[in-house]
């Protein structure tokens, strides 16, 4: 018996949607249930298992840049297995996304330092203000681009969610 908790993919501000599931199955039984899915379903997903973690993704032939991954972290709690689930993008894409944010953060901090130095020296700070506005616009654009990609992968995310809920029954 599965017991999904709140899953709000539509209205979540977070780019990596979190939710919890609970099942009476053990971790090994859960992995075996996934491996026993129909061949038609297994051809559509990729499965990776490590320790008490399961990663479900879209198979390589159907994978797009925006295809989601579903990370399941399983914990034994009394007679049940509690599953902390998280949807996210491909790890390589997420790493690139975080690198771009880190670069923007460094640029903003450097620009603020240059702006302060120019302000103290009573020089023009127009360039620094323009650069700060540009960085802010890029940062906002990155966020909305990530939301756009998440929405493009919504159909695949619901497929992964439906698959795992079927396994938990």
N, C-alpha and C. Protein backbone atom coordinates (compact mmCIF):
# COMPACT_ATOMS: atom_id res chain seq x y z
N UNK A 1 0.85 -1.17 0.00
CA UNK A 1 0.00 0.00 0.00
C UNK A 1 0.90 1.24 0.00
N UNK A 2 0.68 2.13 -0.94
CA UNK A 2 1.49 3.34 -0.97
C UNK A 2 0.69 4.51 -0.41
N UNK A 3 1.39 5.47 0.13
CA UNK A 3 0.74 6.63 0.72
C UNK A 3 1.48 7.88 0.25
N UNK A 4 1.11 8.41 -0.94
CA UNK A 4 1.79 9.61 -1.40
C UNK A 4 1.38 10.82 -0.58
N UNK A 5 2.31 11.70 -0.34
CA UNK A 5 2.00 12.95 0.32
C UNK A 5 1.91 14.03 -0.74
N UNK A 6 1.84 15.26 -0.34
CA UNK A 6 1.61 16.38 -1.23
C UNK A 6 2.63 16.41 -2.38
N UNK A 7 2.12 16.38 -3.60
CA UNK A 7 2.96 16.48 -4.79
C UNK A 7 2.36 17.56 -5.67
N UNK A 8 3.00 18.72 -5.74
CA UNK A 8 2.46 19.84 -6.49
C UNK A 8 3.49 20.29 -7.52
N UNK A 9 3.53 19.57 -8.63
CA UNK A 9 4.49 19.87 -9.69
C UNK A 9 4.13 21.17 -10.39
N UNK A 10 2.84 21.44 -10.48
CA UNK A 10 2.37 22.61 -11.23
C UNK A 10 2.76 23.93 -10.57
N UNK A 11 2.56 24.03 -9.26
CA UNK A 11 2.70 25.31 -8.57
C UNK A 11 3.97 25.46 -7.76
N UNK A 12 4.84 24.48 -7.81
CA UNK A 12 6.06 24.54 -7.01
C UNK A 12 7.03 25.57 -7.57
N UNK A 13 7.54 26.42 -6.70
CA UNK A 13 8.53 27.41 -7.10
C UNK A 13 9.89 26.74 -7.25
N UNK A 14 10.13 25.73 -6.43
CA UNK A 14 11.40 25.01 -6.45
C UNK A 14 11.61 24.34 -7.80
N UNK A 15 12.84 24.37 -8.27
CA UNK A 15 13.15 23.72 -9.54
C UNK A 15 13.29 22.21 -9.37
N UNK A 16 13.56 21.76 -8.16
CA UNK A 16 13.68 20.34 -7.87
C UNK A 16 12.56 19.98 -6.89
N UNK A 17 11.48 19.45 -7.42
CA UNK A 17 10.28 19.17 -6.64
C UNK A 17 10.52 17.97 -5.72
N UNK A 18 10.21 18.14 -4.42
CA UNK A 18 10.37 17.10 -3.40
C UNK A 18 9.00 16.59 -2.97
N UNK A 19 8.93 15.31 -2.64
CA UNK A 19 7.73 14.75 -2.04
C UNK A 19 8.12 13.45 -1.34
N UNK A 20 7.19 12.90 -0.56
CA UNK A 20 7.46 11.66 0.18
C UNK A 20 6.43 10.60 -0.17
N UNK A 21 6.90 9.36 -0.17
CA UNK A 21 6.04 8.20 -0.36
C UNK A 21 6.34 7.22 0.75
N UNK A 22 5.42 6.31 0.97
CA UNK A 22 5.63 5.29 1.99
C UNK A 22 5.09 3.97 1.45
N UNK A 23 5.78 2.88 1.74
CA UNK A 23 5.35 1.56 1.29
C UNK A 23 5.68 0.51 2.34
N UNK A 24 4.98 -0.59 2.27
CA UNK A 24 5.25 -1.72 3.17
C UNK A 24 6.39 -2.58 2.64
N UNK A 25 6.76 -2.39 1.37
CA UNK A 25 7.81 -3.19 0.75
C UNK A 25 9.18 -2.80 1.29
N UNK A 26 10.08 -3.78 1.34
CA UNK A 26 11.47 -3.49 1.71
C UNK A 26 12.17 -2.88 0.50
N UNK A 27 13.37 -2.37 0.74
CA UNK A 27 14.14 -1.77 -0.35
C UNK A 27 14.41 -2.79 -1.45
N UNK A 28 14.86 -3.99 -1.09
CA UNK A 28 15.17 -5.01 -2.10
C UNK A 28 13.92 -5.43 -2.85
N UNK A 29 12.78 -5.54 -2.16
CA UNK A 29 11.53 -5.88 -2.84
C UNK A 29 11.11 -4.77 -3.79
N UNK A 30 11.38 -3.54 -3.40
CA UNK A 30 11.06 -2.40 -4.25
C UNK A 30 11.89 -2.43 -5.53
N UNK A 31 13.18 -2.68 -5.39
CA UNK A 31 14.06 -2.77 -6.57
C UNK A 31 13.62 -3.92 -7.47
N UNK A 32 13.30 -5.06 -6.87
CA UNK A 32 12.83 -6.22 -7.66
C UNK A 32 11.52 -5.91 -8.37
N UNK A 33 10.63 -5.18 -7.71
CA UNK A 33 9.36 -4.80 -8.34
C UNK A 33 9.60 -3.90 -9.55
N UNK A 34 10.57 -3.01 -9.44
CA UNK A 34 10.89 -2.15 -10.58
C UNK A 34 11.44 -2.99 -11.73
N UNK A 35 12.32 -3.94 -11.40
CA UNK A 35 12.91 -4.79 -12.44
C UNK A 35 11.88 -5.72 -13.08
N UNK A 36 10.76 -5.96 -12.39
CA UNK A 36 9.71 -6.84 -12.90
C UNK A 36 8.63 -6.08 -13.68
N UNK A 37 8.84 -4.80 -13.91
CA UNK A 37 7.89 -4.03 -14.70
C UNK A 37 7.80 -4.61 -16.11
N UNK A 38 6.70 -4.35 -16.81
CA UNK A 38 6.59 -4.83 -18.19
C UNK A 38 7.75 -4.31 -19.05
N UNK A 39 8.13 -5.12 -20.04
CA UNK A 39 9.25 -4.76 -20.92
C UNK A 39 9.00 -3.42 -21.61
N UNK A 40 7.75 -3.16 -21.97
CA UNK A 40 7.43 -1.89 -22.64
C UNK A 40 7.76 -0.69 -21.74
N UNK A 41 7.56 -0.84 -20.45
CA UNK A 41 7.89 0.23 -19.50
C UNK A 41 9.38 0.30 -19.25
N UNK A 42 10.02 -0.86 -19.10
CA UNK A 42 11.47 -0.90 -18.83
C UNK A 42 12.28 -0.29 -19.97
N UNK A 43 11.76 -0.38 -21.21
CA UNK A 43 12.46 0.22 -22.35
C UNK A 43 12.41 1.74 -22.32
N UNK A 44 11.46 2.29 -21.57
CA UNK A 44 11.28 3.74 -21.52
C UNK A 44 12.03 4.40 -20.37
N UNK A 45 12.54 3.59 -19.42
CA UNK A 45 13.21 4.18 -18.26
C UNK A 45 14.63 3.66 -18.13
N UNK A 46 15.44 4.41 -17.42
CA UNK A 46 16.76 3.93 -17.02
C UNK A 46 16.74 3.80 -15.50
N UNK A 47 17.43 2.80 -14.99
CA UNK A 47 17.41 2.50 -13.57
C UNK A 47 18.84 2.39 -13.06
N UNK A 48 19.12 3.08 -11.97
CA UNK A 48 20.41 2.96 -11.28
C UNK A 48 20.12 2.79 -9.80
N UNK A 49 20.84 1.86 -9.17
CA UNK A 49 20.64 1.57 -7.75
C UNK A 49 21.99 1.63 -7.06
N UNK A 50 22.05 2.33 -5.92
CA UNK A 50 23.27 2.40 -5.13
C UNK A 50 22.87 2.57 -3.67
N UNK A 51 23.40 1.72 -2.81
CA UNK A 51 23.06 1.74 -1.39
C UNK A 51 21.53 1.73 -1.25
N UNK A 52 20.98 2.72 -0.60
CA UNK A 52 19.53 2.81 -0.41
C UNK A 52 18.92 3.88 -1.32
N UNK A 53 19.53 4.08 -2.48
CA UNK A 53 19.08 5.10 -3.43
C UNK A 53 18.71 4.45 -4.75
N UNK A 54 17.66 4.96 -5.36
CA UNK A 54 17.23 4.51 -6.69
C UNK A 54 17.09 5.76 -7.55
N UNK A 55 17.65 5.71 -8.74
CA UNK A 55 17.49 6.80 -9.70
C UNK A 55 16.73 6.26 -10.90
N UNK A 56 15.60 6.87 -11.19
CA UNK A 56 14.83 6.53 -12.38
C UNK A 56 14.93 7.70 -13.34
N UNK A 57 15.19 7.39 -14.58
CA UNK A 57 15.27 8.43 -15.58
C UNK A 57 14.63 7.96 -16.86
N UNK A 58 14.64 8.80 -17.85
CA UNK A 58 14.11 8.46 -19.15
C UNK A 58 15.22 7.77 -19.94
N UNK A 59 14.87 6.70 -20.64
CA UNK A 59 15.85 5.94 -21.42
C UNK A 59 16.53 6.84 -22.45
N UNK A 60 17.74 6.48 -22.81
CA UNK A 60 18.59 7.31 -23.67
C UNK A 60 17.91 7.68 -25.00
N UNK A 61 17.20 6.74 -25.60
CA UNK A 61 16.61 7.01 -26.92
C UNK A 61 15.49 8.05 -26.86
N UNK A 62 14.84 8.20 -25.71
CA UNK A 62 13.76 9.18 -25.55
C UNK A 62 14.18 10.40 -24.75
N UNK A 63 15.43 10.43 -24.31
CA UNK A 63 15.90 11.50 -23.43
C UNK A 63 16.12 12.79 -24.20
N UNK A 64 15.63 13.86 -23.63
CA UNK A 64 15.84 15.21 -24.15
C UNK A 64 16.62 16.00 -23.10
N UNK A 65 17.02 17.21 -23.47
CA UNK A 65 17.76 18.04 -22.53
C UNK A 65 16.95 18.29 -21.26
N UNK A 66 15.65 18.39 -21.40
CA UNK A 66 14.78 18.72 -20.28
C UNK A 66 14.23 17.49 -19.55
N UNK A 67 14.62 16.29 -19.95
CA UNK A 67 14.09 15.07 -19.33
C UNK A 67 14.44 15.01 -17.84
N UNK A 68 13.44 14.72 -17.01
CA UNK A 68 13.69 14.69 -15.56
C UNK A 68 14.27 13.37 -15.09
N UNK A 69 14.86 13.39 -13.94
CA UNK A 69 15.28 12.20 -13.21
C UNK A 69 14.51 12.18 -11.91
N UNK A 70 14.22 10.99 -11.43
CA UNK A 70 13.54 10.84 -10.15
C UNK A 70 14.48 10.11 -9.21
N UNK A 71 14.89 10.79 -8.15
CA UNK A 71 15.80 10.21 -7.16
C UNK A 71 14.98 9.78 -5.96
N UNK A 72 15.10 8.51 -5.60
CA UNK A 72 14.37 7.96 -4.46
C UNK A 72 15.37 7.56 -3.39
N UNK A 73 15.26 8.16 -2.22
CA UNK A 73 16.10 7.79 -1.08
C UNK A 73 15.23 7.01 -0.11
N UNK A 74 15.56 5.75 0.10
CA UNK A 74 14.72 4.86 0.90
C UNK A 74 15.29 4.68 2.30
N UNK A 75 14.41 4.76 3.30
CA UNK A 75 14.80 4.56 4.69
C UNK A 75 13.82 3.61 5.35
N UNK A 76 14.34 2.64 6.05
CA UNK A 76 13.49 1.69 6.78
C UNK A 76 13.02 2.37 8.07
N UNK A 77 11.70 2.47 8.25
CA UNK A 77 11.11 3.05 9.45
C UNK A 77 10.06 2.07 9.97
N UNK A 78 10.38 1.41 11.08
CA UNK A 78 9.51 0.39 11.67
C UNK A 78 9.16 -0.67 10.61
N UNK A 79 7.88 -0.82 10.28
CA UNK A 79 7.46 -1.85 9.32
C UNK A 79 7.31 -1.32 7.91
N UNK A 80 7.72 -0.09 7.68
CA UNK A 80 7.54 0.51 6.37
C UNK A 80 8.87 1.04 5.83
N UNK A 81 8.84 1.36 4.57
CA UNK A 81 9.98 2.03 3.93
C UNK A 81 9.51 3.42 3.56
N UNK A 82 10.18 4.41 4.12
CA UNK A 82 9.87 5.81 3.81
C UNK A 82 10.75 6.21 2.64
N UNK A 83 10.14 6.82 1.63
CA UNK A 83 10.86 7.20 0.42
C UNK A 83 10.81 8.72 0.28
N UNK A 84 11.98 9.34 0.32
CA UNK A 84 12.10 10.77 0.03
C UNK A 84 12.43 10.87 -1.45
N UNK A 85 11.52 11.46 -2.21
CA UNK A 85 11.67 11.53 -3.66
C UNK A 85 11.94 12.96 -4.09
N UNK A 86 12.73 13.08 -5.15
CA UNK A 86 13.08 14.40 -5.66
C UNK A 86 13.20 14.32 -7.18
N UNK A 87 12.44 15.16 -7.86
CA UNK A 87 12.60 15.30 -9.31
C UNK A 87 13.69 16.33 -9.56
N UNK A 88 14.49 16.08 -10.56
CA UNK A 88 15.53 17.03 -10.92
C UNK A 88 15.97 16.80 -12.35
N UNK A 89 16.74 17.72 -12.88
CA UNK A 89 17.24 17.56 -14.24
C UNK A 89 18.40 16.57 -14.28
N UNK A 90 18.89 16.33 -15.46
CA UNK A 90 20.07 15.50 -15.64
C UNK A 90 21.21 16.09 -14.79
N UNK A 91 21.95 15.26 -14.06
CA UNK A 91 23.01 15.79 -13.18
C UNK A 91 24.04 16.67 -13.91
N UNK A 92 24.38 16.33 -15.15
CA UNK A 92 25.35 17.16 -15.89
C UNK A 92 24.76 18.54 -16.17
N UNK A 93 23.49 18.58 -16.55
CA UNK A 93 22.83 19.86 -16.81
C UNK A 93 22.70 20.67 -15.52
N UNK A 94 22.38 20.00 -14.41
CA UNK A 94 22.26 20.68 -13.12
C UNK A 94 23.61 21.27 -12.70
N UNK A 95 24.69 20.52 -12.93
CA UNK A 95 26.03 21.01 -12.60
C UNK A 95 26.36 22.26 -13.42
N UNK A 96 26.06 22.23 -14.72
CA UNK A 96 26.28 23.40 -15.58
C UNK A 96 25.45 24.59 -15.07
N UNK A 97 24.21 24.33 -14.74
CA UNK A 97 23.31 25.36 -14.24
C UNK A 97 23.87 25.99 -12.97
N UNK A 98 24.35 25.18 -12.05
CA UNK A 98 24.93 25.69 -10.79
C UNK A 98 26.23 26.45 -11.06
N UNK A 99 27.05 25.97 -12.02
CA UNK A 99 28.28 26.66 -12.38
C UNK A 99 27.97 28.05 -12.92
N UNK A 100 26.94 28.16 -13.77
CA UNK A 100 26.55 29.47 -14.30
C UNK A 100 26.10 30.41 -13.18
N UNK A 101 25.35 29.87 -12.22
CA UNK A 101 24.92 30.70 -11.08
C UNK A 101 26.12 31.14 -10.24
N UNK A 102 27.06 30.24 -10.03
CA UNK A 102 28.26 30.58 -9.27
C UNK A 102 29.04 31.68 -9.99
N UNK A 103 29.19 31.55 -11.30
CA UNK A 103 29.88 32.56 -12.09
C UNK A 103 29.19 33.92 -12.01
N UNK A 104 27.87 33.90 -12.08
CA UNK A 104 27.12 35.15 -11.96
C UNK A 104 27.30 35.77 -10.57
N UNK A 105 27.29 34.93 -9.55
CA UNK A 105 27.49 35.43 -8.18
C UNK A 105 28.85 36.09 -8.02
N UNK A 106 29.89 35.44 -8.55
CA UNK A 106 31.25 36.01 -8.49
C UNK A 106 31.30 37.33 -9.26
N UNK A 107 30.65 37.36 -10.43
CA UNK A 107 30.63 38.59 -11.23
C UNK A 107 29.94 39.72 -10.47
N UNK A 108 28.84 39.42 -9.82
CA UNK A 108 28.11 40.45 -9.07
C UNK A 108 28.95 40.96 -7.90
N UNK A 109 29.57 40.06 -7.16
CA UNK A 109 30.41 40.49 -6.03
C UNK A 109 31.59 41.34 -6.52
N UNK A 110 32.24 40.90 -7.60
CA UNK A 110 33.37 41.66 -8.16
C UNK A 110 32.92 43.04 -8.63
N UNK A 111 31.76 43.08 -9.27
CA UNK A 111 31.24 44.36 -9.77
C UNK A 111 30.91 45.30 -8.61
N UNK A 112 30.35 44.74 -7.53
CA UNK A 112 30.06 45.58 -6.36
C UNK A 112 31.33 46.15 -5.75
N UNK A 113 32.40 45.35 -5.72
CA UNK A 113 33.69 45.83 -5.19
C UNK A 113 34.23 46.94 -6.08
N UNK A 114 34.18 46.74 -7.42
CA UNK A 114 34.65 47.77 -8.35
C UNK A 114 33.80 49.04 -8.23
N UNK A 115 32.49 48.85 -8.06
CA UNK A 115 31.60 49.99 -7.95
C UNK A 115 31.92 50.80 -6.68
N UNK A 116 32.17 50.10 -5.58
CA UNK A 116 32.52 50.79 -4.33
C UNK A 116 33.84 51.55 -4.49
N UNK A 117 34.83 50.90 -5.13
CA UNK A 117 36.13 51.56 -5.33
C UNK A 117 35.96 52.82 -6.19
N UNK A 118 35.21 52.71 -7.28
CA UNK A 118 34.99 53.88 -8.14
C UNK A 118 34.19 54.97 -7.42
N UNK A 119 33.24 54.56 -6.59
CA UNK A 119 32.44 55.53 -5.84
C UNK A 119 33.32 56.30 -4.86
N UNK A 120 34.20 55.58 -4.16
CA UNK A 120 35.11 56.22 -3.20
C UNK A 120 36.07 57.16 -3.92
N UNK A 121 36.52 56.76 -5.11
CA UNK A 121 37.43 57.59 -5.90
C UNK A 121 36.69 58.67 -6.70
N UNK A 122 35.39 58.74 -6.51
CA UNK A 122 34.52 59.70 -7.19
C UNK A 122 34.62 59.60 -8.70
N UNK A 123 34.67 58.35 -9.19
CA UNK A 123 34.63 58.09 -10.63
C UNK A 123 33.23 57.61 -11.00
N UNK A 124 32.97 57.56 -12.27
CA UNK A 124 31.66 57.12 -12.76
C UNK A 124 31.43 55.64 -12.41
N UNK A 125 30.22 55.34 -11.98
CA UNK A 125 29.87 53.95 -11.67
C UNK A 125 28.79 53.44 -12.64
N UNK A 126 28.60 54.14 -13.75
CA UNK A 126 27.57 53.75 -14.72
C UNK A 126 27.82 52.35 -15.29
N UNK A 127 29.07 52.04 -15.60
CA UNK A 127 29.38 50.72 -16.16
C UNK A 127 29.02 49.61 -15.17
N UNK A 128 29.38 49.81 -13.91
CA UNK A 128 29.10 48.79 -12.89
C UNK A 128 27.59 48.62 -12.67
N UNK A 129 26.87 49.72 -12.68
CA UNK A 129 25.41 49.63 -12.53
C UNK A 129 24.81 48.88 -13.71
N UNK A 130 25.29 49.18 -14.91
CA UNK A 130 24.81 48.47 -16.10
C UNK A 130 25.11 46.99 -16.02
N UNK A 131 26.32 46.65 -15.56
CA UNK A 131 26.71 45.25 -15.44
C UNK A 131 25.87 44.53 -14.38
N UNK A 132 25.57 45.20 -13.27
CA UNK A 132 24.71 44.61 -12.23
C UNK A 132 23.30 44.36 -12.76
N UNK A 133 22.78 45.30 -13.52
CA UNK A 133 21.45 45.12 -14.11
C UNK A 133 21.47 43.95 -15.10
N UNK A 134 22.53 43.87 -15.91
CA UNK A 134 22.65 42.77 -16.87
C UNK A 134 22.74 41.42 -16.15
N UNK A 135 23.56 41.34 -15.10
CA UNK A 135 23.69 40.09 -14.34
C UNK A 135 22.37 39.69 -13.71
N UNK A 136 21.65 40.66 -13.17
CA UNK A 136 20.35 40.37 -12.57
C UNK A 136 19.37 39.84 -13.62
N UNK A 137 19.38 40.45 -14.80
CA UNK A 137 18.50 39.98 -15.88
C UNK A 137 18.88 38.57 -16.32
N UNK A 138 20.18 38.29 -16.41
CA UNK A 138 20.62 36.94 -16.78
C UNK A 138 20.20 35.94 -15.71
N UNK A 139 20.33 36.30 -14.45
CA UNK A 139 19.96 35.42 -13.35
C UNK A 139 18.46 35.09 -13.42
N UNK A 140 17.65 36.10 -13.64
CA UNK A 140 16.20 35.89 -13.76
C UNK A 140 15.90 35.04 -14.99
N UNK A 141 16.59 35.31 -16.10
CA UNK A 141 16.38 34.53 -17.32
C UNK A 141 16.75 33.06 -17.10
N UNK A 142 17.82 32.79 -16.37
CA UNK A 142 18.20 31.40 -16.06
C UNK A 142 17.10 30.70 -15.27
N UNK A 143 16.53 31.39 -14.31
CA UNK A 143 15.46 30.80 -13.50
C UNK A 143 14.27 30.45 -14.38
N UNK A 144 13.84 31.39 -15.21
CA UNK A 144 12.66 31.13 -16.04
C UNK A 144 12.96 30.10 -17.13
N UNK A 145 14.20 30.05 -17.60
CA UNK A 145 14.58 29.00 -18.56
C UNK A 145 14.50 27.63 -17.89
N UNK A 146 14.95 27.54 -16.65
CA UNK A 146 14.87 26.27 -15.92
C UNK A 146 13.41 25.88 -15.68
N UNK A 147 12.56 26.83 -15.33
CA UNK A 147 11.13 26.54 -15.16
C UNK A 147 10.51 26.09 -16.48
N UNK A 148 10.90 26.75 -17.56
CA UNK A 148 10.39 26.37 -18.89
C UNK A 148 10.79 24.93 -19.21
N UNK A 149 12.05 24.59 -18.97
CA UNK A 149 12.50 23.22 -19.23
C UNK A 149 11.79 22.22 -18.32
N UNK A 150 11.57 22.60 -17.06
CA UNK A 150 10.85 21.71 -16.16
C UNK A 150 9.44 21.45 -16.68
N UNK A 151 8.78 22.48 -17.19
CA UNK A 151 7.44 22.31 -17.74
C UNK A 151 7.45 21.45 -19.00
N UNK A 152 8.50 21.56 -19.80
CA UNK A 152 8.60 20.71 -21.00
C UNK A 152 8.77 19.25 -20.62
N UNK A 153 9.38 18.98 -19.48
CA UNK A 153 9.59 17.61 -19.04
C UNK A 153 8.48 17.08 -18.15
N UNK A 154 7.40 17.84 -18.01
CA UNK A 154 6.31 17.47 -17.10
C UNK A 154 5.68 16.13 -17.48
N UNK A 155 5.47 15.91 -18.77
CA UNK A 155 4.85 14.66 -19.22
C UNK A 155 5.72 13.46 -18.82
N UNK A 156 7.02 13.59 -19.00
CA UNK A 156 7.94 12.52 -18.62
C UNK A 156 7.99 12.37 -17.10
N UNK A 157 7.90 13.47 -16.37
CA UNK A 157 7.90 13.41 -14.90
C UNK A 157 6.68 12.65 -14.41
N UNK A 158 5.53 12.92 -14.99
CA UNK A 158 4.32 12.20 -14.58
C UNK A 158 4.41 10.73 -14.96
N UNK A 159 5.07 10.42 -16.07
CA UNK A 159 5.28 9.01 -16.43
C UNK A 159 6.13 8.31 -15.36
N UNK A 160 7.21 8.96 -14.93
CA UNK A 160 8.06 8.37 -13.88
C UNK A 160 7.28 8.23 -12.57
N UNK A 161 6.50 9.25 -12.23
CA UNK A 161 5.70 9.20 -11.01
C UNK A 161 4.67 8.07 -11.07
N UNK A 162 3.98 7.95 -12.20
CA UNK A 162 2.99 6.88 -12.38
C UNK A 162 3.66 5.52 -12.28
N UNK A 163 4.85 5.39 -12.86
CA UNK A 163 5.59 4.13 -12.81
C UNK A 163 5.92 3.75 -11.38
N UNK A 164 6.45 4.69 -10.60
CA UNK A 164 6.86 4.36 -9.23
C UNK A 164 5.64 4.11 -8.34
N UNK A 165 4.55 4.84 -8.57
CA UNK A 165 3.33 4.59 -7.78
C UNK A 165 2.77 3.21 -8.10
N UNK A 166 2.89 2.77 -9.36
CA UNK A 166 2.46 1.43 -9.73
C UNK A 166 3.29 0.36 -9.04
N UNK A 167 4.57 0.62 -8.88
CA UNK A 167 5.47 -0.33 -8.20
C UNK A 167 5.13 -0.41 -6.71
N UNK A 168 4.71 0.69 -6.12
CA UNK A 168 4.45 0.73 -4.68
C UNK A 168 3.15 0.06 -4.27
N UNK A 169 2.25 -0.18 -5.22
CA UNK A 169 0.95 -0.80 -4.89
C UNK A 169 1.11 -2.20 -4.38
